[in-house]
């Protein structure tokens, strides 16, 4: 069974680029949620092997989404990779206190994002 990833990001163009990049270079399956609330609902009702989570979203920010996912019994062990443009020292300190699998910074190279995910999670492509 291929790995399954949920992308939670409010930017449709970016989310679709990530989805295409992953699915072009791997056999992994991806789903997209465009709001934090939608992402939490999908993550708790479906089965995912990893979540890519944007930090800056209008309805709920990624920190709020992370906290809810991390405290839910069904999603608390799913590795979460932050997909963010926030790379200031304050942000990095906050990220280091979170139990995240890794960080992929925006902008990213679409042709290497699957390899970055594989490296962070120890998955084969």
PDB file of N, CA and C in Angstrom:
ATOM      1  N   UNK A   1       0.845  -1.191   0.000  1.00  0.00           N
ATOM      2  CA  UNK A   1       0.000   0.000   0.000  1.00  0.00           C
ATOM      3  C   UNK A   1       0.887   1.251   0.000  1.00  0.00           C
ATOM      4  N   UNK A   2       0.639   2.185  -0.914  1.00  0.00           N
ATOM      5  CA  UNK A   2       1.489   3.382  -0.968  1.00  0.00           C
ATOM      6  C   UNK A   2       1.263   4.301   0.230  1.00  0.00           C
ATOM      7  N   UNK A   3       2.296   5.064   0.548  1.00  0.00           N
ATOM      8  CA  UNK A   3       2.174   6.057   1.608  1.00  0.00           C
ATOM      9  C   UNK A   3       1.133   7.094   1.200  1.00  0.00           C
ATOM     10  N   UNK A   4       0.458   7.623   2.199  1.00  0.00           N
ATOM     11  CA  UNK A   4      -0.599   8.601   1.950  1.00  0.00           C
ATOM     12  C   UNK A   4      -0.315   9.863   2.750  1.00  0.00           C
ATOM     13  N   UNK A   5      -0.341  11.005   2.061  1.00  0.00           N
ATOM     14  CA  UNK A   5       0.003  12.287   2.674  1.00  0.00           C
ATOM     15  C   UNK A   5      -1.175  13.255   2.566  1.00  0.00           C
ATOM     16  N   UNK A   6      -1.446  13.970   3.646  1.00  0.00           N
ATOM     17  CA  UNK A   6      -2.427  15.049   3.635  1.00  0.00           C
ATOM     18  C   UNK A   6      -1.676  16.370   3.594  1.00  0.00           C
ATOM     19  N   UNK A   7      -2.023  17.203   2.618  1.00  0.00           N
ATOM     20  CA  UNK A   7      -1.445  18.544   2.489  1.00  0.00           C
ATOM     21  C   UNK A   7      -2.488  19.524   3.028  1.00  0.00           C
ATOM     22  N   UNK A   8      -2.122  20.295   4.055  1.00  0.00           N
ATOM     23  CA  UNK A   8      -3.034  21.306   4.606  1.00  0.00           C
ATOM     24  C   UNK A   8      -2.414  22.670   4.317  1.00  0.00           C
ATOM     25  N   UNK A   9      -2.979  23.366   3.344  1.00  0.00           N
ATOM     26  CA  UNK A   9      -2.453  24.668   2.920  1.00  0.00           C
ATOM     27  C   UNK A   9      -3.578  25.445   2.253  1.00  0.00           C
ATOM     28  N   UNK A  10      -3.711  26.727   2.588  1.00  0.00           N
ATOM     29  CA  UNK A  10      -4.806  27.544   2.057  1.00  0.00           C
ATOM     30  C   UNK A  10      -4.547  28.077   0.656  1.00  0.00           C
ATOM     31  N   UNK A  11      -3.359  27.856   0.106  1.00  0.00           N
ATOM     32  CA  UNK A  11      -3.043  28.351  -1.235  1.00  0.00           C
ATOM     33  C   UNK A  11      -3.258  27.235  -2.256  1.00  0.00           C
ATOM     34  N   UNK A  12      -4.370  27.278  -3.011  1.00  0.00           N
ATOM     35  CA  UNK A  12      -4.675  26.194  -3.964  1.00  0.00           C
ATOM     36  C   UNK A  12      -3.574  25.924  -4.983  1.00  0.00           C
ATOM     37  N   UNK A  13      -2.986  26.972  -5.559  1.00  0.00           N
ATOM     38  CA  UNK A  13      -1.941  26.761  -6.569  1.00  0.00           C
ATOM     39  C   UNK A  13      -0.742  26.030  -5.975  1.00  0.00           C
ATOM     40  N   UNK A  14      -0.303  26.483  -4.810  1.00  0.00           N
ATOM     41  CA  UNK A  14       0.842  25.859  -4.164  1.00  0.00           C
ATOM     42  C   UNK A  14       0.528  24.419  -3.768  1.00  0.00           C
ATOM     43  N   UNK A  15      -0.643  24.191  -3.207  1.00  0.00           N
ATOM     44  CA  UNK A  15      -1.039  22.842  -2.792  1.00  0.00           C
ATOM     45  C   UNK A  15      -1.043  21.886  -3.968  1.00  0.00           C
ATOM     46  N   UNK A  16      -1.548  22.355  -5.103  1.00  0.00           N
ATOM     47  CA  UNK A  16      -1.613  21.499  -6.282  1.00  0.00           C
ATOM     48  C   UNK A  16      -0.228  21.239  -6.862  1.00  0.00           C
ATOM     49  N   UNK A  17       0.676  22.212  -6.776  1.00  0.00           N
ATOM     50  CA  UNK A  17       2.058  22.006  -7.213  1.00  0.00           C
ATOM     51  C   UNK A  17       2.715  20.934  -6.343  1.00  0.00           C
ATOM     52  N   UNK A  18       2.521  21.035  -5.032  1.00  0.00           N
ATOM     53  CA  UNK A  18       3.078  20.040  -4.113  1.00  0.00           C
ATOM     54  C   UNK A  18       2.500  18.660  -4.435  1.00  0.00           C
ATOM     55  N   UNK A  19       1.196  18.598  -4.625  1.00  0.00           N
ATOM     56  CA  UNK A  19       0.537  17.333  -4.936  1.00  0.00           C
ATOM     57  C   UNK A  19       1.100  16.719  -6.224  1.00  0.00           C
ATOM     58  N   UNK A  20       1.182  17.525  -7.284  1.00  0.00           N
ATOM     59  CA  UNK A  20       1.715  17.030  -8.557  1.00  0.00           C
ATOM     60  C   UNK A  20       3.172  16.593  -8.431  1.00  0.00           C
ATOM     61  N   UNK A  21       3.963  17.377  -7.720  1.00  0.00           N
ATOM     62  CA  UNK A  21       5.376  17.041  -7.551  1.00  0.00           C
ATOM     63  C   UNK A  21       5.547  15.717  -6.822  1.00  0.00           C
ATOM     64  N   UNK A  22       4.754  15.501  -5.799  1.00  0.00           N
ATOM     65  CA  UNK A  22       4.841  14.242  -5.050  1.00  0.00           C
ATOM     66  C   UNK A  22       4.380  13.080  -5.914  1.00  0.00           C
ATOM     67  N   UNK A  23       3.241  13.242  -6.567  1.00  0.00           N
ATOM     68  CA  UNK A  23       2.668  12.133  -7.321  1.00  0.00           C
ATOM     69  C   UNK A  23       3.434  11.842  -8.618  1.00  0.00           C
ATOM     70  N   UNK A  24       4.162  12.836  -9.152  1.00  0.00           N
ATOM     71  CA  UNK A  24       4.974  12.596 -10.362  1.00  0.00           C
ATOM     72  C   UNK A  24       6.229  11.795 -10.051  1.00  0.00           C
ATOM     73  N   UNK A  25       6.795  11.987  -8.866  1.00  0.00           N
ATOM     74  CA  UNK A  25       8.075  11.365  -8.537  1.00  0.00           C
ATOM     75  C   UNK A  25       7.967  10.148  -7.615  1.00  0.00           C
ATOM     76  N   UNK A  26       6.758   9.850  -7.123  1.00  0.00           N
ATOM     77  CA  UNK A  26       6.588   8.727  -6.194  1.00  0.00           C
ATOM     78  C   UNK A  26       5.284   8.002  -6.500  1.00  0.00           C
ATOM     79  N   UNK A  27       5.052   6.925  -5.783  1.00  0.00           N
ATOM     80  CA  UNK A  27       3.777   6.214  -5.869  1.00  0.00           C
ATOM     81  C   UNK A  27       2.858   6.626  -4.711  1.00  0.00           C
ATOM     82  N   UNK A  28       3.274   7.635  -3.956  1.00  0.00           N
ATOM     83  CA  UNK A  28       2.491   8.085  -2.811  1.00  0.00           C
ATOM     84  C   UNK A  28       1.186   8.713  -3.263  1.00  0.00           C
ATOM     85  N   UNK A  29       0.195   8.633  -2.399  1.00  0.00           N
ATOM     86  CA  UNK A  29      -1.100   9.270  -2.662  1.00  0.00           C
ATOM     87  C   UNK A  29      -1.187  10.533  -1.810  1.00  0.00           C
ATOM     88  N   UNK A  30      -1.837  11.558  -2.360  1.00  0.00           N
ATOM     89  CA  UNK A  30      -1.990  12.808  -1.610  1.00  0.00           C
ATOM     90  C   UNK A  30      -3.429  13.288  -1.649  1.00  0.00           C
ATOM     91  N   UNK A  31      -3.814  13.957  -0.588  1.00  0.00           N
ATOM     92  CA  UNK A  31      -5.089  14.661  -0.510  1.00  0.00           C
ATOM     93  C   UNK A  31      -4.766  16.079  -0.060  1.00  0.00           C
ATOM     94  N   UNK A  32      -5.669  16.995  -0.376  1.00  0.00           N
ATOM     95  CA  UNK A  32      -5.473  18.400  -0.008  1.00  0.00           C
ATOM     96  C   UNK A  32      -6.645  18.884   0.829  1.00  0.00           C
ATOM     97  N   UNK A  33      -6.323  19.627   1.884  1.00  0.00           N
ATOM     98  CA  UNK A  33      -7.312  20.363   2.666  1.00  0.00           C
ATOM     99  C   UNK A  33      -6.899  21.832   2.604  1.00  0.00           C
ATOM    100  N   UNK A  34      -7.854  22.708   2.291  1.00  0.00           N
ATOM    101  CA  UNK A  34      -7.534  24.130   2.095  1.00  0.00           C
ATOM    102  C   UNK A  34      -7.751  24.998   3.337  1.00  0.00           C
ATOM    103  N   UNK A  35      -8.249  24.392   4.412  1.00  0.00           N
ATOM    104  CA  UNK A  35      -8.392  25.126   5.676  1.00  0.00           C
ATOM    105  C   UNK A  35      -7.920  24.219   6.806  1.00  0.00           C
ATOM    106  N   UNK A  36      -7.577  24.831   7.918  1.00  0.00           N
ATOM    107  CA  UNK A  36      -7.165  24.048   9.076  1.00  0.00           C
ATOM    108  C   UNK A  36      -8.275  23.137   9.561  1.00  0.00           C
ATOM    109  N   UNK A  37      -9.484  23.671   9.615  1.00  0.00           N
ATOM    110  CA  UNK A  37     -10.631  22.883  10.074  1.00  0.00           C
ATOM    111  C   UNK A  37     -10.871  21.673   9.168  1.00  0.00           C
ATOM    112  N   UNK A  38     -10.813  21.893   7.867  1.00  0.00           N
ATOM    113  CA  UNK A  38     -10.984  20.802   6.897  1.00  0.00           C
ATOM    114  C   UNK A  38      -9.861  19.774   7.064  1.00  0.00           C
ATOM    115  N   UNK A  39      -8.651  20.243   7.287  1.00  0.00           N
ATOM    116  CA  UNK A  39      -7.514  19.347   7.479  1.00  0.00           C
ATOM    117  C   UNK A  39      -7.662  18.469   8.705  1.00  0.00           C
ATOM    118  N   UNK A  40      -8.103  19.058   9.798  1.00  0.00           N
ATOM    119  CA  UNK A  40      -8.321  18.289  11.029  1.00  0.00           C
ATOM    120  C   UNK A  40      -9.397  17.237  10.800  1.00  0.00           C
ATOM    121  N   UNK A  41     -10.478  17.627  10.132  1.00  0.00           N
ATOM    122  CA  UNK A  41     -11.566  16.682   9.860  1.00  0.00           C
ATOM    123  C   UNK A  41     -11.075  15.515   9.006  1.00  0.00           C
ATOM    124  N   UNK A  42     -10.337  15.828   7.925  1.00  0.00           N
ATOM    125  CA  UNK A  42      -9.819  14.776   7.050  1.00  0.00           C
ATOM    126  C   UNK A  42      -8.839  13.873   7.794  1.00  0.00           C
ATOM    127  N   UNK A  43      -7.954  14.479   8.570  1.00  0.00           N
ATOM    128  CA  UNK A  43      -6.924  13.706   9.274  1.00  0.00           C
ATOM    129  C   UNK A  43      -7.529  12.764  10.310  1.00  0.00           C
ATOM    130  N   UNK A  44      -8.649  13.172  10.909  1.00  0.00           N
ATOM    131  CA  UNK A  44      -9.254  12.332  11.944  1.00  0.00           C
ATOM    132  C   UNK A  44     -10.242  11.308  11.388  1.00  0.00           C
ATOM    133  N   UNK A  45     -10.634  11.463  10.129  1.00  0.00           N
ATOM    134  CA  UNK A  45     -11.579  10.500   9.549  1.00  0.00           C
ATOM    135  C   UNK A  45     -10.937   9.575   8.520  1.00  0.00           C
ATOM    136  N   UNK A  46      -9.808   9.978   7.957  1.00  0.00           N
ATOM    137  CA  UNK A  46      -9.086   9.168   6.976  1.00  0.00           C
ATOM    138  C   UNK A  46      -7.806   8.644   7.621  1.00  0.00           C
ATOM    139  N   UNK A  47      -7.065   7.824   6.887  1.00  0.00           N
ATOM    140  CA  UNK A  47      -5.802   7.268   7.387  1.00  0.00           C
ATOM    141  C   UNK A  47      -4.637   7.870   6.601  1.00  0.00           C
ATOM    142  N   UNK A  48      -3.753   8.596   7.277  1.00  0.00           N
ATOM    143  CA  UNK A  48      -2.601   9.220   6.633  1.00  0.00           C
ATOM    144  C   UNK A  48      -1.302   8.771   7.288  1.00  0.00           C
ATOM    145  N   UNK A  49      -0.246   8.725   6.478  1.00  0.00           N
ATOM    146  CA  UNK A  49       1.077   8.356   6.962  1.00  0.00           C
ATOM    147  C   UNK A  49       1.911   9.581   7.309  1.00  0.00           C
ATOM    148  N   UNK A  50       1.508  10.753   6.800  1.00  0.00           N
ATOM    149  CA  UNK A  50       2.211  12.008   7.088  1.00  0.00           C
ATOM    150  C   UNK A  50       1.312  13.177   6.717  1.00  0.00           C
ATOM    151  N   UNK A  51       1.613  14.321   7.308  1.00  0.00           N
ATOM    152  CA  UNK A  51       0.864  15.551   7.023  1.00  0.00           C
ATOM    153  C   UNK A  51       1.864  16.660   6.722  1.00  0.00           C
ATOM    154  N   UNK A  52       1.620  17.383   5.621  1.00  0.00           N
ATOM    155  CA  UNK A  52       2.359  18.610   5.312  1.00  0.00           C
ATOM    156  C   UNK A  52       1.466  19.761   5.747  1.00  0.00           C
ATOM    157  N   UNK A  53       1.953  20.608   6.620  1.00  0.00           N
ATOM    158  CA  UNK A  53       1.123  21.633   7.236  1.00  0.00           C
ATOM    159  C   UNK A  53       1.710  23.023   7.047  1.00  0.00           C
ATOM    160  N   UNK A  54       0.913  23.903   6.435  1.00  0.00           N
ATOM    161  CA  UNK A  54       1.283  25.316   6.304  1.00  0.00           C
ATOM    162  C   UNK A  54       1.074  25.992   7.654  1.00  0.00           C
ATOM    163  N   UNK A  55       1.902  26.961   7.973  1.00  0.00           N
ATOM    164  CA  UNK A  55       1.760  27.697   9.231  1.00  0.00           C
ATOM    165  C   UNK A  55       0.809  28.878   9.080  1.00  0.00           C
ATOM    166  N   UNK A  56       0.925  29.643   8.004  1.00  0.00           N
ATOM    167  CA  UNK A  56       0.122  30.859   7.835  1.00  0.00           C
ATOM    168  C   UNK A  56      -1.153  30.565   7.046  1.00  0.00           C
ATOM    169  N   UNK A  57      -2.240  30.415   7.783  1.00  0.00           N
ATOM    170  CA  UNK A  57      -3.553  30.206   7.161  1.00  0.00           C
ATOM    171  C   UNK A  57      -4.550  31.117   7.856  1.00  0.00           C
ATOM    172  N   UNK A  58      -5.593  31.554   7.131  1.00  0.00           N
ATOM    173  CA  UNK A  58      -6.504  32.549   7.699  1.00  0.00           C
ATOM    174  C   UNK A  58      -7.466  32.035   8.774  1.00  0.00           C
ATOM    175  N   UNK A  59      -8.010  30.835   8.626  1.00  0.00           N
ATOM    176  CA  UNK A  59      -9.034  30.392   9.581  1.00  0.00           C
ATOM    177  C   UNK A  59      -8.427  29.937  10.903  1.00  0.00           C
ATOM    178  N   UNK A  60      -7.459  29.071  10.832  1.00  0.00           N
ATOM    179  CA  UNK A  60      -6.699  28.607  11.994  1.00  0.00           C
ATOM    180  C   UNK A  60      -5.259  28.572  11.515  1.00  0.00           C
ATOM    181  N   UNK A  61      -4.340  29.073  12.316  1.00  0.00           N
ATOM    182  CA  UNK A  61      -2.959  28.974  11.854  1.00  0.00           C
ATOM    183  C   UNK A  61      -2.442  27.559  12.079  1.00  0.00           C
ATOM    184  N   UNK A  62      -1.309  27.265  11.487  1.00  0.00           N
ATOM    185  CA  UNK A  62      -0.744  25.933  11.567  1.00  0.00           C
ATOM    186  C   UNK A  62      -0.426  25.495  12.986  1.00  0.00           C
ATOM    187  N   UNK A  63      -0.111  26.440  13.863  1.00  0.00           N
ATOM    188  CA  UNK A  63       0.169  26.094  15.252  1.00  0.00           C
ATOM    189  C   UNK A  63      -1.091  25.534  15.925  1.00  0.00           C
ATOM    190  N   UNK A  64      -2.239  26.174  15.677  1.00  0.00           N
ATOM    191  CA  UNK A  64      -3.500  25.699  16.239  1.00  0.00           C
ATOM    192  C   UNK A  64      -3.863  24.326  15.676  1.00  0.00           C
ATOM    193  N   UNK A  65      -3.676  24.175  14.367  1.00  0.00           N
ATOM    194  CA  UNK A  65      -3.968  22.889  13.724  1.00  0.00           C
ATOM    195  C   UNK A  65      -3.054  21.808  14.302  1.00  0.00           C
ATOM    196  N   UNK A  66      -1.773  22.125  14.418  1.00  0.00           N
ATOM    197  CA  UNK A  66      -0.812  21.176  14.985  1.00  0.00           C
ATOM    198  C   UNK A  66      -1.245  20.726  16.377  1.00  0.00           C
ATOM    199  N   UNK A  67      -1.609  21.687  17.229  1.00  0.00           N
ATOM    200  CA  UNK A  67      -2.003  21.351  18.606  1.00  0.00           C
ATOM    201  C   UNK A  67      -3.200  20.397  18.618  1.00  0.00           C
ATOM    202  N   UNK A  68      -4.186  20.667  17.764  1.00  0.00           N
ATOM    203  CA  UNK A  68      -5.363  19.796  17.725  1.00  0.00           C
ATOM    204  C   UNK A  68      -5.016  18.407  17.200  1.00  0.00           C
ATOM    205  N   UNK A  69      -4.195  18.357  16.148  1.00  0.00           N
ATOM    206  CA  UNK A  69      -3.789  17.062  15.602  1.00  0.00           C
ATOM    207  C   UNK A  69      -2.944  16.298  16.613  1.00  0.00           C
ATOM    208  N   UNK A  70      -2.056  16.997  17.294  1.00  0.00           N
ATOM    209  CA  UNK A  70      -1.146  16.360  18.245  1.00  0.00           C
ATOM    210  C   UNK A  70      -1.875  15.848  19.489  1.00  0.00           C
ATOM    211  N   UNK A  71      -3.022  16.435  19.805  1.00  0.00           N
ATOM    212  CA  UNK A  71      -3.757  16.004  21.005  1.00  0.00           C
ATOM    213  C   UNK A  71      -4.856  14.991  20.693  1.00  0.00           C
ATOM    214  N   UNK A  72      -5.145  14.737  19.419  1.00  0.00           N
ATOM    215  CA  UNK A  72      -6.190  13.778  19.046  1.00  0.00           C
ATOM    216  C   UNK A  72      -5.609  12.364  19.004  1.00  0.00           C
ATOM    217  N   UNK A  73      -6.257  11.397  19.648  1.00  0.00           N
ATOM    218  CA  UNK A  73      -5.709  10.030  19.683  1.00  0.00           C
ATOM    219  C   UNK A  73      -5.444   9.412  18.304  1.00  0.00           C
ATOM    220  N   UNK A  74      -6.264   9.743  17.322  1.00  0.00           N
ATOM    221  CA  UNK A  74      -6.097   9.138  16.002  1.00  0.00           C
ATOM    222  C   UNK A  74      -4.951   9.767  15.197  1.00  0.00           C
ATOM    223  N   UNK A  75      -4.605  11.006  15.507  1.00  0.00           N
ATOM    224  CA  UNK A  75      -3.600  11.709  14.698  1.00  0.00           C
ATOM    225  C   UNK A  75      -2.325  12.065  15.456  1.00  0.00           C
ATOM    226  N   UNK A  76      -2.264  11.789  16.731  1.00  0.00           N
ATOM    227  CA  UNK A  76      -1.119  12.255  17.527  1.00  0.00           C
ATOM    228  C   UNK A  76       0.218  11.635  17.134  1.00  0.00           C
ATOM    229  N   UNK A  77       0.203  10.490  16.454  1.00  0.00           N
ATOM    230  CA  UNK A  77       1.470   9.856  16.064  1.00  0.00           C
ATOM    231  C   UNK A  77       1.814  10.051  14.585  1.00  0.00           C
ATOM    232  N   UNK A  78       0.960  10.752  13.843  1.00  0.00           N
ATOM    233  CA  UNK A  78       1.248  11.000  12.427  1.00  0.00           C
ATOM    234  C   UNK A  78       2.358  12.046  12.330  1.00  0.00           C
ATOM    235  N   UNK A  79       3.443  11.744  11.599  1.00  0.00           N
ATOM    236  CA  UNK A  79       4.503  12.748  11.439  1.00  0.00           C
ATOM    237  C   UNK A  79       3.982  13.984  10.697  1.00  0.00           C
ATOM    238  N   UNK A  80       4.324  15.144  11.232  1.00  0.00           N
ATOM    239  CA  UNK A  80       3.908  16.408  10.621  1.00  0.00           C
ATOM    240  C   UNK A  80       5.149  17.166  10.172  1.00  0.00           C
ATOM    241  N   UNK A  81       5.140  17.543   8.896  1.00  0.00           N
ATOM    242  CA  UNK A  81       6.205  18.366   8.326  1.00  0.00           C
ATOM    243  C   UNK A  81       5.621  19.746   8.067  1.00  0.00           C
ATOM    244  N   UNK A  82       6.257  20.763   8.615  1.00  0.00           N
ATOM    245  CA  UNK A  82       5.797  22.125   8.379  1.00  0.00           C
ATOM    246  C   UNK A  82       6.253  22.586   7.004  1.00  0.00           C
ATOM    247  N   UNK A  83       5.335  23.196   6.288  1.00  0.00           N
ATOM    248  CA  UNK A  83       5.599  23.757   4.968  1.00  0.00           C
ATOM    249  C   UNK A  83       5.392  25.258   5.143  1.00  0.00           C
ATOM    250  N   UNK A  84       6.487  26.012   5.262  1.00  0.00           N
ATOM    251  CA  UNK A  84       6.342  27.395   5.696  1.00  0.00           C
ATOM    252  C   UNK A  84       7.389  28.340   5.124  1.00  0.00           C
ATOM    253  N   UNK A  85       7.004  29.599   5.035  1.00  0.00           N
ATOM    254  CA  UNK A  85       7.943  30.658   4.671  1.00  0.00           C
ATOM    255  C   UNK A  85       8.491  31.324   5.933  1.00  0.00           C
ATOM    256  N   UNK A  86       7.957  30.959   7.086  1.00  0.00           N
ATOM    257  CA  UNK A  86       8.383  31.546   8.359  1.00  0.00           C
ATOM    258  C   UNK A  86       9.686  30.896   8.806  1.00  0.00           C
ATOM    259  N   UNK A  87      10.773  31.606   8.623  1.00  0.00           N
ATOM    260  CA  UNK A  87      12.072  31.036   8.989  1.00  0.00           C
ATOM    261  C   UNK A  87      12.906  32.001   9.835  1.00  0.00           C
ATOM    262  N   UNK A  88      12.243  32.924  10.519  1.00  0.00           N
ATOM    263  CA  UNK A  88      12.944  33.854  11.394  1.00  0.00           C
ATOM    264  C   UNK A  88      13.400  33.110  12.655  1.00  0.00           C
ATOM    265  N   UNK A  89      14.408  33.621  13.344  1.00  0.00           N
ATOM    266  CA  UNK A  89      14.899  32.943  14.563  1.00  0.00           C
ATOM    267  C   UNK A  89      13.794  32.652  15.584  1.00  0.00           C
ATOM    268  N   UNK A  90      12.863  33.598  15.786  1.00  0.00           N
ATOM    269  CA  UNK A  90      11.757  33.361  16.725  1.00  0.00           C
ATOM    270  C   UNK A  90      10.913  32.178  16.289  1.00  0.00           C
ATOM    271  N   UNK A  91      10.634  32.108  14.985  1.00  0.00           N
ATOM    272  CA  UNK A  91       9.846  30.996  14.452  1.00  0.00           C
ATOM    273  C   UNK A  91      10.583  29.679  14.649  1.00  0.00           C
ATOM    274  N   UNK A  92      11.864  29.657  14.334  1.00  0.00           N
ATOM    275  CA  UNK A  92      12.673  28.436  14.485  1.00  0.00           C
ATOM    276  C   UNK A  92      12.674  27.958  15.938  1.00  0.00           C
ATOM    277  N   UNK A  93      12.752  28.892  16.888  1.00  0.00           N
ATOM    278  CA  UNK A  93      12.703  28.515  18.307  1.00  0.00           C
ATOM    279  C   UNK A  93      11.358  27.886  18.633  1.00  0.00           C
ATOM    280  N   UNK A  94      10.293  28.470  18.124  1.00  0.00           N
ATOM    281  CA  UNK A  94       8.960  27.921  18.380  1.00  0.00           C
ATOM    282  C   UNK A  94       8.825  26.538  17.737  1.00  0.00           C
ATOM    283  N   UNK A  95       9.327  26.388  16.518  1.00  0.00           N
ATOM    284  CA  UNK A  95       9.261  25.090  15.836  1.00  0.00           C
ATOM    285  C   UNK A  95      10.030  24.031  16.618  1.00  0.00           C
ATOM    286  N   UNK A  96      11.185  24.419  17.190  1.00  0.00           N
ATOM    287  CA  UNK A  96      12.011  23.433  17.890  1.00  0.00           C
ATOM    288  C   UNK A  96      11.332  22.905  19.146  1.00  0.00           C
ATOM    289  N   UNK A  97      10.369  23.657  19.685  1.00  0.00           N
ATOM    290  CA  UNK A  97       9.644  23.179  20.866  1.00  0.00           C
ATOM    291  C   UNK A  97       8.455  22.288  20.494  1.00  0.00           C
ATOM    292  N   UNK A  98       8.183  22.178  19.194  1.00  0.00           N
ATOM    293  CA  UNK A  98       7.076  21.351  18.715  1.00  0.00           C
ATOM    294  C   UNK A  98       7.610  19.966  18.330  1.00  0.00           C
ATOM    295  N   UNK A  99       6.764  18.977  18.427  1.00  0.00           N
ATOM    296  CA  UNK A  99       7.154  17.613  18.063  1.00  0.00           C
ATOM    297  C   UNK A  99       6.864  17.394  16.575  1.00  0.00           C
ATOM    298  N   UNK A 100       7.634  18.091  15.734  1.00  0.00           N
ATOM    299  CA  UNK A 100       7.443  17.978  14.289  1.00  0.00           C
ATOM    300  C   UNK A 100       8.505  17.062  13.700  1.00  0.00           C
ATOM    301  N   UNK A 101       8.182  16.490  12.543  1.00  0.00           N
ATOM    302  CA  UNK A 101       9.147  15.615  11.866  1.00  0.00           C
ATOM    303  C   UNK A 101      10.205  16.435  11.144  1.00  0.00           C
ATOM    304  N   UNK A 102       9.824  17.615  10.635  1.00  0.00           N
ATOM    305  CA  UNK A 102      10.762  18.449   9.904  1.00  0.00           C
ATOM    306  C   UNK A 102      10.118  19.692   9.353  1.00  0.00           C
ATOM    307  N   UNK A 103      10.916  20.477   8.643  1.00  0.00           N
ATOM    308  CA  UNK A 103      10.449  21.732   8.052  1.00  0.00           C
ATOM    309  C   UNK A 103      10.914  21.785   6.602  1.00  0.00           C
ATOM    310  N   UNK A 104       9.998  22.141   5.719  1.00  0.00           N
ATOM    311  CA  UNK A 104      10.346  22.445   4.329  1.00  0.00           C
ATOM    312  C   UNK A 104       9.988  23.909   4.126  1.00  0.00           C
ATOM    313  N   UNK A 105      10.978  24.700   3.749  1.00  0.00           N
ATOM    314  CA  UNK A 105      10.735  26.132   3.617  1.00  0.00           C
ATOM    315  C   UNK A 105      10.246  26.494   2.225  1.00  0.00           C
ATOM    316  N   UNK A 106       9.356  27.471   2.192  1.00  0.00           N
ATOM    317  CA  UNK A 106       8.873  28.061   0.939  1.00  0.00           C
ATOM    318  C   UNK A 106       9.775  29.250   0.633  1.00  0.00           C
ATOM    319  N   UNK A 107      10.120  29.485  -0.576  1.00  0.00           N
ATOM    320  CA  UNK A 107       9.813  28.661  -1.736  1.00  0.00           C
ATOM    321  C   UNK A 107      10.679  27.403  -1.734  1.00  0.00           C
ATOM    322  N   UNK A 108      10.201  26.382  -2.385  1.00  0.00           N
ATOM    323  CA  UNK A 108      10.919  25.121  -2.476  1.00  0.00           C
ATOM    324  C   UNK A 108      10.991  24.721  -3.941  1.00  0.00           C
ATOM    325  N   UNK A 109      11.872  23.802  -4.242  1.00  0.00           N
ATOM    326  CA  UNK A 109      11.991  23.305  -5.610  1.00  0.00           C
ATOM    327  C   UNK A 109      11.025  22.133  -5.771  1.00  0.00           C
ATOM    328  N   UNK A 110      10.050  22.280  -6.658  1.00  0.00           N
ATOM    329  CA  UNK A 110       9.033  21.237  -6.803  1.00  0.00           C
ATOM    330  C   UNK A 110       9.637  19.891  -7.186  1.00  0.00           C
ATOM    331  N   UNK A 111      10.756  19.916  -7.927  1.00  0.00           N
ATOM    332  CA  UNK A 111      11.352  18.650  -8.355  1.00  0.00           C
ATOM    333  C   UNK A 111      12.080  17.921  -7.224  1.00  0.00           C
ATOM    334  N   UNK A 112      12.285  18.596  -6.083  1.00  0.00           N
ATOM    335  CA  UNK A 112      12.982  17.934  -4.981  1.00  0.00           C
ATOM    336  C   UNK A 112      12.131  17.765  -3.723  1.00  0.00           C
ATOM    337  N   UNK A 113      10.904  18.249  -3.736  1.00  0.00           N
ATOM    338  CA  UNK A 113      10.104  18.186  -2.506  1.00  0.00           C
ATOM    339  C   UNK A 113       9.835  16.743  -2.075  1.00  0.00           C
ATOM    340  N   UNK A 114       9.584  15.846  -3.008  1.00  0.00           N
ATOM    341  CA  UNK A 114       9.352  14.443  -2.644  1.00  0.00           C
ATOM    342  C   UNK A 114      10.603  13.851  -2.001  1.00  0.00           C
ATOM    343  N   UNK A 115      11.769  14.184  -2.525  1.00  0.00           N
ATOM    344  CA  UNK A 115      13.022  13.689  -1.949  1.00  0.00           C
ATOM    345  C   UNK A 115      13.232  14.255  -0.540  1.00  0.00           C
ATOM    346  N   UNK A 116      12.850  15.513  -0.331  1.00  0.00           N
ATOM    347  CA  UNK A 116      12.960  16.109   1.003  1.00  0.00           C
ATOM    348  C   UNK A 116      12.053  15.387   1.989  1.00  0.00           C
ATOM    349  N   UNK A 117      10.825  15.112   1.566  1.00  0.00           N
ATOM    350  CA  UNK A 117       9.882  14.395   2.425  1.00  0.00           C
ATOM    351  C   UNK A 117      10.426  13.002   2.737  1.00  0.00           C
ATOM    352  N   UNK A 118      10.911  12.297   1.715  1.00  0.00           N
ATOM    353  CA  UNK A 118      11.464  10.953   1.907  1.00  0.00           C
ATOM    354  C   UNK A 118      12.636  10.985   2.889  1.00  0.00           C
ATOM    355  N   UNK A 119      13.494  11.988   2.756  1.00  0.00           N
ATOM    356  CA  UNK A 119      14.642  12.118   3.646  1.00  0.00           C
ATOM    357  C   UNK A 119      14.207  12.370   5.091  1.00  0.00           C
ATOM    358  N   UNK A 120      13.263  13.269   5.279  1.00  0.00           N
ATOM    359  CA  UNK A 120      12.779  13.599   6.634  1.00  0.00           C
ATOM    360  C   UNK A 120      12.137  12.384   7.282  1.00  0.00           C
ATOM    361  N   UNK A 121      11.332  11.633   6.528  1.00  0.00           N
ATOM    362  CA  UNK A 121      10.560  10.531   7.108  1.00  0.00           C
ATOM    363  C   UNK A 121      11.227   9.166   6.991  1.00  0.00           C
ATOM    364  N   UNK A 122      12.343   9.112   6.255  1.00  0.00           N
ATOM    365  CA  UNK A 122      13.009   7.828   6.061  1.00  0.00           C
ATOM    366  C   UNK A 122      12.245   6.898   5.132  1.00  0.00           C
ATOM    367  N   UNK A 123      11.499   7.483   4.192  1.00  0.00           N
ATOM    368  CA  UNK A 123      10.717   6.703   3.236  1.00  0.00           C
ATOM    369  C   UNK A 123      11.526   6.461   1.979  1.00  0.00           C
ATOM    370  N   UNK A 124      11.175   5.393   1.270  1.00  0.00           N
ATOM    371  CA  UNK A 124      11.757   5.136  -0.049  1.00  0.00           C
ATOM    372  C   UNK A 124      10.877   5.818  -1.091  1.00  0.00           C
ATOM    373  N   UNK A 125      11.519   6.299  -2.145  1.00  0.00           N
ATOM    374  CA  UNK A 125      10.764   6.924  -3.229  1.00  0.00           C
ATOM    375  C   UNK A 125      10.465   5.855  -4.258  1.00  0.00           C
TER     376      UNK A 125
END
